Every structure is written in C-alpha cells, then in structure tokens.
Amino acid sequence: MLPQEIFNTVQTKLRSQREASTDGIHCMYRGRNGNRCAVGHLISDDIYDPKMEGLGISNLLARFELPNYFHLECSLIQELQSAHDLHLVSSLDEWELEMQKIAHRNRLIYTPEPL
C-alpha cells in the first residue's frame, strides 16, 4: 500500500465511522460497536489479535507479522494514529484539521469531506 492509499483508507474509514474507537476509556484498535482506530482499519481481520490492544506501533511491528507497508510507512501510520488518539477523541473538526496537516507534511493530497 502506498502512502496516499494508507492516508485515503484511514480518512475514508474514520469519516464514515465519525468517532474514535475506544473501550469507553482507552483508544482501541478494535473498539465498541465495531469501531476501529486509524491503525485498526489497516489491520485485516485475519491478522488482528486481541493481544495487540495497548501496544504502540513499534511494539506491534516487533511482536506481530504485519504487512510490509507498516514497516515502510511507520512514521505516517504513527501520525495517523496520533490524529485518532488525540484529535478524533475530542472532535471530528479537530481531526479533519490534523489530517490536513498530516497530508501537507507528507506531501499527500487531502480531499475535504463532501458537504
């Protein structure tokens, strides 16, 4: 998966979801109501393991066999995760602003949400 594809996947999935993935307190790769966080949307069901919960990206890479693009685009994936954990938890508008910044920093195309 290329950086733009990673960004678009996370942006589309989280816009559709419209809220953070939590257990009510902590952010989760797989949360309540079938929600997923930014990284959770990049982890397929056949790879996901509940033991992943609570681990950061670096620990996921060390302990689980993830697609190669996790290694190649680790920095971008960490930024997308932070946007979920720090901004989507608060507000969809804050998250959208952070996604614009991530796109700019990584020379990606940000597409505003259709009205």
Protein backbone atom coordinates (compact mmCIF):
# COMPACT_ATOMS: atom_id res chain seq x y z
CA MET A 1 0.00 0.00 0.00
CA LEU A 2 1.39 3.40 -0.97
CA PRO A 3 1.36 6.39 1.42
CA GLN A 4 -1.57 8.06 -0.37
CA GLU A 5 -3.55 4.80 -0.22
CA ILE A 6 -2.87 4.48 3.51
CA PHE A 7 -3.96 8.07 4.09
CA ASN A 8 -7.08 7.72 1.95
CA THR A 9 -8.09 4.44 3.62
CA VAL A 10 -7.82 5.89 7.12
CA GLN A 11 -9.50 9.15 6.12
CA THR A 12 -12.43 7.43 4.41
CA LYS A 13 -12.99 4.82 7.14
CA LEU A 14 -12.79 7.27 10.05
CA ARG A 15 -15.02 9.80 8.30
CA SER A 16 -17.60 7.08 7.83
CA GLN A 17 -17.23 5.95 11.45
CA ARG A 18 -17.40 9.56 12.73
CA GLU A 19 -16.00 8.74 16.17
CA ALA A 20 -12.94 7.33 17.87
CA SER A 21 -12.51 3.65 18.62
CA THR A 22 -12.42 3.17 22.40
CA ASP A 23 -13.43 0.83 25.16
CA GLY A 24 -15.01 3.85 26.85
CA ILE A 25 -11.69 4.96 28.34
CA HIS A 26 -8.75 3.95 26.14
CA CYS A 27 -8.28 4.04 22.38
CA MET A 28 -8.52 0.58 20.86
CA TYR A 29 -7.54 -0.99 17.53
CA ARG A 30 -10.94 -2.69 17.74
CA GLY A 31 -13.37 -0.83 19.97
CA ARG A 32 -17.04 -0.83 20.79
CA ASN A 33 -19.74 -1.08 18.14
CA GLY A 34 -17.30 -2.48 15.58
CA ASN A 35 -15.28 0.76 15.55
CA ARG A 36 -11.60 0.73 14.63
CA CYS A 37 -8.86 3.27 15.10
CA ALA A 38 -6.65 4.55 12.29
CA VAL A 39 -4.28 1.57 12.57
CA GLY A 40 -7.15 -0.81 13.22
CA HIS A 41 -8.50 -0.02 9.77
CA LEU A 42 -5.16 -1.08 8.30
CA ILE A 43 -5.03 -4.41 10.16
CA SER A 44 -7.07 -7.08 8.41
CA ASP A 45 -9.27 -9.42 10.43
CA ASP A 46 -7.06 -12.41 9.63
CA ILE A 47 -4.04 -10.64 11.19
CA TYR A 48 -5.76 -8.94 14.14
CA ASP A 49 -5.13 -10.42 17.59
CA PRO A 50 -6.70 -9.02 20.79
CA LYS A 51 -3.17 -9.13 22.27
CA MET A 52 -2.38 -6.15 20.02
CA GLU A 53 -4.51 -3.86 22.19
CA GLY A 54 -2.47 -1.45 24.27
CA LEU A 55 0.65 -1.81 22.13
CA GLY A 56 2.12 1.05 20.14
CA ILE A 57 3.13 0.73 16.51
CA SER A 58 6.77 -0.15 17.32
CA ASN A 59 5.69 -2.99 19.59
CA LEU A 60 3.19 -4.22 17.01
CA LEU A 61 5.97 -4.38 14.43
CA ALA A 62 8.23 -6.26 16.83
CA ARG A 63 5.64 -8.79 18.01
CA PHE A 64 3.32 -9.40 15.06
CA GLU A 65 3.71 -10.14 11.39
CA LEU A 66 2.18 -7.12 9.69
CA PRO A 67 2.14 -6.14 6.01
CA ASN A 68 5.41 -4.67 4.75
CA TYR A 69 3.91 -1.20 4.30
CA PHE A 70 3.68 -0.93 8.12
CA HIS A 71 7.48 -1.04 8.19
CA LEU A 72 7.95 1.21 5.16
CA GLU A 73 5.41 3.83 6.23
CA CYS A 74 5.70 3.54 10.01
CA SER A 75 6.08 7.30 10.53
CA LEU A 76 2.94 8.14 8.53
CA ILE A 77 0.96 5.40 10.30
CA GLN A 78 2.08 6.75 13.68
CA GLU A 79 0.92 10.24 12.68
CA LEU A 80 -2.48 8.90 11.62
CA GLN A 81 -2.75 7.01 14.90
CA SER A 82 -1.94 10.14 16.88
CA ALA A 83 -4.56 12.09 14.96
CA HIS A 84 -7.12 9.47 16.01
CA ASP A 85 -5.99 9.24 19.62
CA LEU A 86 -5.51 12.96 20.27
CA HIS A 87 -7.99 14.70 17.96
CA LEU A 88 -10.83 12.41 16.86
CA VAL A 89 -11.45 11.58 20.51
CA SER A 90 -12.20 15.30 21.02
CA SER A 91 -13.87 16.40 17.81
CA LEU A 92 -14.30 15.46 14.17
CA ASP A 93 -13.41 19.04 13.18
CA GLU A 94 -10.12 18.91 15.11
CA TRP A 95 -9.34 15.58 13.47
CA GLU A 96 -10.01 16.99 9.98
CA LEU A 97 -7.61 19.87 10.67
CA GLU A 98 -4.93 17.45 11.84
CA MET A 99 -5.47 15.28 8.74
CA GLN A 100 -4.85 18.37 6.57
CA LYS A 101 -1.57 18.97 8.42
CA ILE A 102 -0.52 15.32 8.05
CA ALA A 103 -1.24 15.45 4.31
CA HIS A 104 0.80 18.64 3.95
CA ARG A 105 3.78 17.30 5.96
CA ASN A 106 3.83 14.07 3.94
CA ARG A 107 3.15 15.68 0.55
CA LEU A 108 -0.15 13.84 0.21
CA ILE A 109 -3.44 15.01 -1.23
CA TYR A 110 -6.08 15.97 1.32
CA THR A 111 -9.63 15.86 0.00
CA PRO A 112 -12.15 17.83 2.05
CA GLU A 113 -15.22 15.98 3.23
CA PRO A 114 -18.09 16.41 0.77
CA LEU A 115 -20.91 18.55 2.10
